[in-house]
Protein backbone atom coordinates (compact mmCIF):
# COMPACT_ATOMS: atom_id res chain seq x y z
CA MET A 1 201.29 41.67 -142.27
CA ILE A 2 201.97 45.31 -143.20
CA ASP A 3 200.80 47.55 -140.38
CA LEU A 4 201.06 51.32 -140.74
CA SER A 5 199.12 52.16 -137.60
CA ASN A 6 200.34 55.41 -136.02
CA LYS A 7 201.85 56.49 -139.35
CA VAL A 8 200.87 59.58 -141.34
CA THR A 9 201.16 59.47 -145.11
CA ILE A 10 200.98 62.19 -147.75
CA ILE A 11 199.93 60.92 -151.19
CA THR A 12 199.88 63.34 -154.11
CA GLY A 13 197.45 62.94 -156.97
CA GLY A 14 195.28 60.80 -154.73
CA SER A 15 191.81 61.22 -156.22
CA ARG A 16 192.18 58.77 -159.11
CA GLY A 17 194.37 56.11 -160.70
CA ILE A 18 197.51 54.97 -158.91
CA GLY A 19 197.13 57.67 -156.28
CA ALA A 20 193.59 56.64 -155.31
CA ALA A 21 194.66 52.99 -155.14
CA CYS A 22 197.48 54.04 -152.79
CA VAL A 23 195.13 56.08 -150.60
CA LYS A 24 192.87 53.07 -150.14
CA LEU A 25 195.65 50.57 -149.55
CA PHE A 26 197.55 52.77 -147.08
CA ALA A 27 194.35 53.54 -145.17
CA LYS A 28 193.49 49.83 -145.01
CA ALA A 29 196.97 49.27 -143.57
CA GLY A 30 196.08 51.67 -140.76
CA SER A 31 197.85 54.85 -141.85
CA LYS A 32 196.26 58.26 -141.61
CA VAL A 33 196.37 59.66 -145.15
CA ALA A 34 196.41 63.22 -146.43
CA PHE A 35 196.15 63.36 -150.21
CA THR A 36 196.11 66.02 -152.88
CA TYR A 37 193.79 66.42 -155.82
CA LYS A 38 193.53 68.98 -158.57
CA SER A 39 189.88 69.07 -159.64
CA LYS A 40 188.24 65.71 -158.83
CA LYS A 41 186.41 66.95 -155.72
CA GLN A 42 183.67 64.31 -155.88
CA GLU A 43 186.22 61.51 -156.02
CA ALA A 44 188.11 63.12 -153.12
CA ASP A 45 184.91 63.41 -151.09
CA ASN A 46 184.13 59.76 -151.75
CA LEU A 47 187.51 58.68 -150.39
CA GLU A 48 186.98 60.72 -147.24
CA LYS A 49 183.55 59.10 -146.76
CA GLU A 50 184.98 55.62 -147.32
CA PHE A 51 187.60 56.15 -144.59
CA PRO A 52 186.05 58.65 -142.14
CA GLY A 53 188.54 60.29 -139.82
CA LEU A 54 191.45 58.49 -141.48
CA VAL A 55 191.67 60.19 -144.88
CA LYS A 56 191.63 63.89 -145.76
CA GLY A 57 191.87 65.52 -149.19
CA TYR A 58 193.48 68.86 -150.05
CA GLN A 59 193.03 70.68 -153.34
CA VAL A 60 196.52 71.64 -154.48
CA ASP A 61 197.95 73.12 -157.66
CA MET A 62 201.14 71.15 -158.36
CA GLU A 63 202.62 74.25 -160.00
CA SER A 64 202.23 76.36 -156.85
CA GLU A 65 205.05 76.37 -154.32
CA LYS A 66 202.81 78.28 -151.90
CA GLU A 67 200.01 75.70 -152.04
CA ILE A 68 202.40 72.75 -151.72
CA ILE A 69 204.07 74.25 -148.63
CA ALA A 70 200.66 75.02 -147.13
CA MET A 71 199.41 71.46 -147.71
CA VAL A 72 202.38 69.84 -145.97
CA SER A 73 202.09 72.29 -143.09
CA ALA A 74 198.34 71.64 -142.79
CA THR A 75 198.95 67.88 -142.72
CA GLU A 76 201.45 68.20 -139.89
CA LYS A 77 199.02 70.42 -137.99
CA GLU A 78 196.08 68.06 -138.60
CA PHE A 79 197.82 64.75 -137.87
CA GLY A 80 200.87 65.80 -135.84
CA LYS A 81 203.61 64.59 -138.16
CA VAL A 82 204.47 63.22 -141.60
CA ASP A 83 206.06 59.76 -141.76
CA ILE A 84 205.62 58.77 -145.40
CA LEU A 85 205.52 60.65 -148.70
CA VAL A 86 204.18 59.02 -151.85
CA HIS A 87 204.65 61.53 -154.65
CA ASN A 88 202.52 60.31 -157.52
CA ALA A 89 200.98 63.41 -159.13
CA GLY A 90 202.06 64.04 -162.71
CA ILE A 91 201.01 64.66 -166.27
CA TRP A 92 201.78 62.86 -169.54
CA ASN A 93 201.21 63.84 -173.14
CA ASP A 94 202.62 63.56 -176.65
CA GLY A 95 205.08 65.96 -178.19
CA THR A 96 207.79 65.63 -180.82
CA LEU A 97 210.98 67.61 -180.36
CA GLU A 98 209.99 70.13 -183.03
CA THR A 99 206.41 70.66 -181.86
CA THR A 100 207.09 70.90 -178.12
CA THR A 101 207.12 74.54 -177.08
CA LEU A 102 209.24 75.88 -174.26
CA ALA A 103 206.07 76.75 -172.31
CA HIS A 104 204.80 73.17 -172.69
CA TRP A 105 208.17 71.75 -171.61
CA GLN A 106 208.35 74.04 -168.59
CA GLN A 107 204.80 73.26 -167.45
CA LEU A 108 205.47 69.51 -167.52
CA MET A 109 208.71 70.02 -165.57
CA ARG A 110 206.91 72.11 -162.96
CA VAL A 111 204.21 69.50 -162.44
CA ASN A 112 206.35 66.35 -162.67
CA LEU A 113 209.73 67.43 -161.31
CA ASP A 114 209.52 70.72 -159.43
CA SER A 115 206.63 69.47 -157.29
CA THR A 116 208.67 66.38 -156.42
CA PHE A 117 211.43 68.61 -155.11
CA LEU A 118 209.02 70.83 -153.17
CA PHE A 119 207.15 67.98 -151.46
CA ALA A 120 210.38 66.16 -150.62
CA ARG A 121 211.95 69.32 -149.20
CA GLN A 122 208.97 70.14 -146.99
CA CYS A 123 208.46 66.58 -145.78
CA ALA A 124 212.17 66.02 -145.08
CA THR A 125 212.15 68.91 -142.61
CA ILE A 126 209.38 67.21 -140.61
CA MET A 127 210.83 63.71 -140.96
CA LYS A 128 214.23 64.85 -139.68
CA LYS A 129 212.65 66.16 -136.48
CA ASN A 130 211.20 62.70 -135.84
CA ASN A 131 214.25 60.79 -137.09
CA PHE A 132 212.04 58.70 -139.36
CA GLY A 133 210.76 58.86 -142.90
CA ARG A 134 209.88 56.92 -146.01
CA MET A 135 209.71 58.61 -149.41
CA ILE A 136 208.43 56.78 -152.46
CA LEU A 137 208.61 58.84 -155.64
CA ILE A 138 206.66 57.50 -158.61
CA SER A 139 208.77 57.67 -161.76
CA SER A 140 208.45 55.65 -164.97
CA THR A 141 210.29 53.22 -167.20
CA ALA A 142 210.41 56.17 -169.62
CA GLY A 143 212.78 57.86 -167.21
CA GLN A 144 215.19 54.95 -167.48
CA ARG A 145 215.26 54.12 -171.18
CA GLY A 146 213.92 57.37 -172.71
CA GLU A 147 210.73 57.64 -174.73
CA ALA A 148 210.60 58.89 -178.31
CA PHE A 149 207.84 61.47 -178.89
CA HIS A 150 207.59 61.92 -175.12
CA SER A 151 211.07 63.28 -174.47
CA HIS A 152 209.81 65.96 -172.09
CA TYR A 153 208.00 63.36 -169.97
CA ALA A 154 210.99 60.99 -170.02
CA ALA A 155 213.32 63.82 -169.02
CA SER A 156 211.11 64.74 -166.06
CA LYS A 157 210.94 61.15 -164.84
CA GLY A 158 214.67 60.68 -165.39
CA GLY A 159 215.08 63.67 -163.10
CA VAL A 160 212.90 61.99 -160.49
CA ILE A 161 215.08 58.88 -160.65
CA SER A 162 218.33 60.83 -160.17
CA PHE A 163 216.69 62.88 -157.42
CA THR A 164 215.67 59.65 -155.67
CA LYS A 165 219.22 58.29 -155.69
CA SER A 166 220.67 61.58 -154.50
CA LEU A 167 218.26 61.99 -151.59
CA ALA A 168 218.71 58.36 -150.57
CA ILE A 169 222.30 59.12 -149.52
CA GLU A 170 221.64 62.60 -148.18
CA LEU A 171 218.74 61.63 -145.92
CA ALA A 172 219.84 58.16 -144.79
CA PRO A 173 221.61 59.46 -141.63
CA PHE A 174 218.21 60.70 -140.45
CA ASN A 175 216.57 57.26 -140.80
CA ILE A 176 214.81 58.40 -143.96
CA THR A 177 214.83 56.08 -146.96
CA VAL A 178 214.04 57.27 -150.47
CA ASN A 179 212.99 54.90 -153.23
CA SER A 180 211.10 55.05 -156.50
CA VAL A 181 208.49 52.88 -158.17
CA ALA A 182 208.78 52.92 -161.96
CA PRO A 183 205.65 51.67 -163.74
CA GLY A 184 205.30 51.03 -167.44
CA TRP A 185 201.86 51.09 -169.02
CA VAL A 186 199.05 51.20 -166.44
CA ASP A 187 195.32 51.11 -167.12
CA THR A 188 194.45 54.52 -165.66
CA ASP A 189 192.53 57.62 -166.70
CA MET A 190 195.77 59.24 -167.83
CA ASN A 191 196.03 56.62 -170.59
CA ASN A 192 192.36 56.58 -171.61
CA GLU A 193 193.03 58.59 -174.74
CA VAL A 194 195.73 56.33 -176.16
CA PHE A 195 193.99 53.17 -174.98
CA ALA A 196 190.82 54.23 -176.80
CA ASP A 197 192.63 52.79 -179.82
CA ALA A 198 191.93 49.09 -179.23
CA GLU A 199 194.76 47.97 -181.53
CA PHE A 200 197.26 50.18 -179.71
CA LYS A 201 196.14 48.84 -176.32
CA GLU A 202 196.39 45.25 -177.52
CA ASN A 203 199.90 45.84 -178.86
CA ALA A 204 200.87 47.37 -175.51
CA ARG A 205 199.52 44.29 -173.75
CA LYS A 206 201.42 41.95 -176.05
CA GLY A 207 204.62 43.85 -175.27
CA ILE A 208 204.35 42.92 -171.59
CA PRO A 209 205.77 39.43 -170.91
CA VAL A 210 203.23 38.60 -168.18
CA GLY A 211 200.50 39.25 -170.74
CA ARG A 212 198.40 41.96 -169.14
CA ILE A 213 198.30 45.70 -168.54
CA PRO A 214 198.49 46.36 -164.80
CA THR A 215 195.79 48.00 -162.74
CA PRO A 216 196.50 50.92 -160.37
CA GLU A 217 196.39 48.39 -157.52
CA ASP A 218 199.32 46.54 -159.08
CA ILE A 219 201.41 49.68 -158.55
CA ALA A 220 200.00 50.55 -155.13
CA GLY A 221 201.08 47.20 -153.64
CA PRO A 222 204.82 47.61 -154.24
CA THR A 223 204.52 51.23 -153.10
CA LEU A 224 203.03 50.09 -149.79
CA PHE A 225 205.81 47.53 -149.44
CA LEU A 226 208.49 50.21 -149.78
CA ALA A 227 206.76 52.25 -147.07
CA SER A 228 206.70 49.32 -144.66
CA ASP A 229 209.24 47.89 -142.21
CA LEU A 230 209.71 44.97 -144.59
CA ALA A 231 211.66 47.37 -146.82
CA ARG A 232 213.61 49.18 -144.11
CA HIS A 233 216.98 48.25 -145.65
CA ILE A 234 216.01 49.24 -149.20
CA ASN A 235 217.28 52.69 -150.09
CA GLY A 236 217.90 54.42 -153.41
CA GLU A 237 216.17 51.63 -155.32
CA ILE A 238 214.21 52.04 -158.56
CA LEU A 239 211.60 49.29 -158.37
CA ASN A 240 210.35 48.42 -161.85
CA VAL A 241 206.71 47.36 -161.91
CA ASN A 242 206.14 46.63 -165.59
CA GLY A 243 205.61 42.90 -165.97
CA GLY A 244 209.08 42.44 -167.42
CA SER A 245 208.57 44.75 -170.40
CA VAL A 246 211.60 46.90 -169.57
CA LEU A 247 214.47 45.16 -167.85
CA CYS A 248 216.68 47.85 -166.40
CA GLY A 249 217.50 49.04 -162.91
């Protein structure tokens, strides 16, 4: 039912986890997909082979304004336009208030928040020319309720949420909608370290009313929905995809 034929999508952090699930789902829906990866070249190559001519990977440092600008420009040159942005790339780690250094805080903000701004800015310029755009910025339930011992991560995702709502109003006159998907726990590589503790993982599962930890595909589906015509009147929304574990909007 969802057809993204003749659309061009940029997906950041597309070589693994939620990003890779989005690359596959958007490509299956007919979209041409340009995605970024940091170091997982083999995974990126595999995605290109799975969807020949439809998917293209770009190695990009999320802390580099120059590389981000170049990637968006290269995508427009390669595919002719940019219709959809799914900004998913990010990092997550522990850190109490006292042990978090300024350098650590700033790096996480550059990767999680500054890159969101840079991709949105570059894509908006292209989308405005075509009077069409869909931006889906991946945030987190941590950005809504806060997260003890992960205050730097929660602050970055809270910034993404406020940025989403702000852009939704600013870009709406250009037929560009901006929404966010806010996952809770997801069974991805990023959580392998904490989920290596079987008791911790089981407690996380029990804290989710639907009784299971979602897969990356569980997040990719709602993301695809927000990029489709089915969601054309949804703007500035924070779509929680957490199985009912955090009930806030």
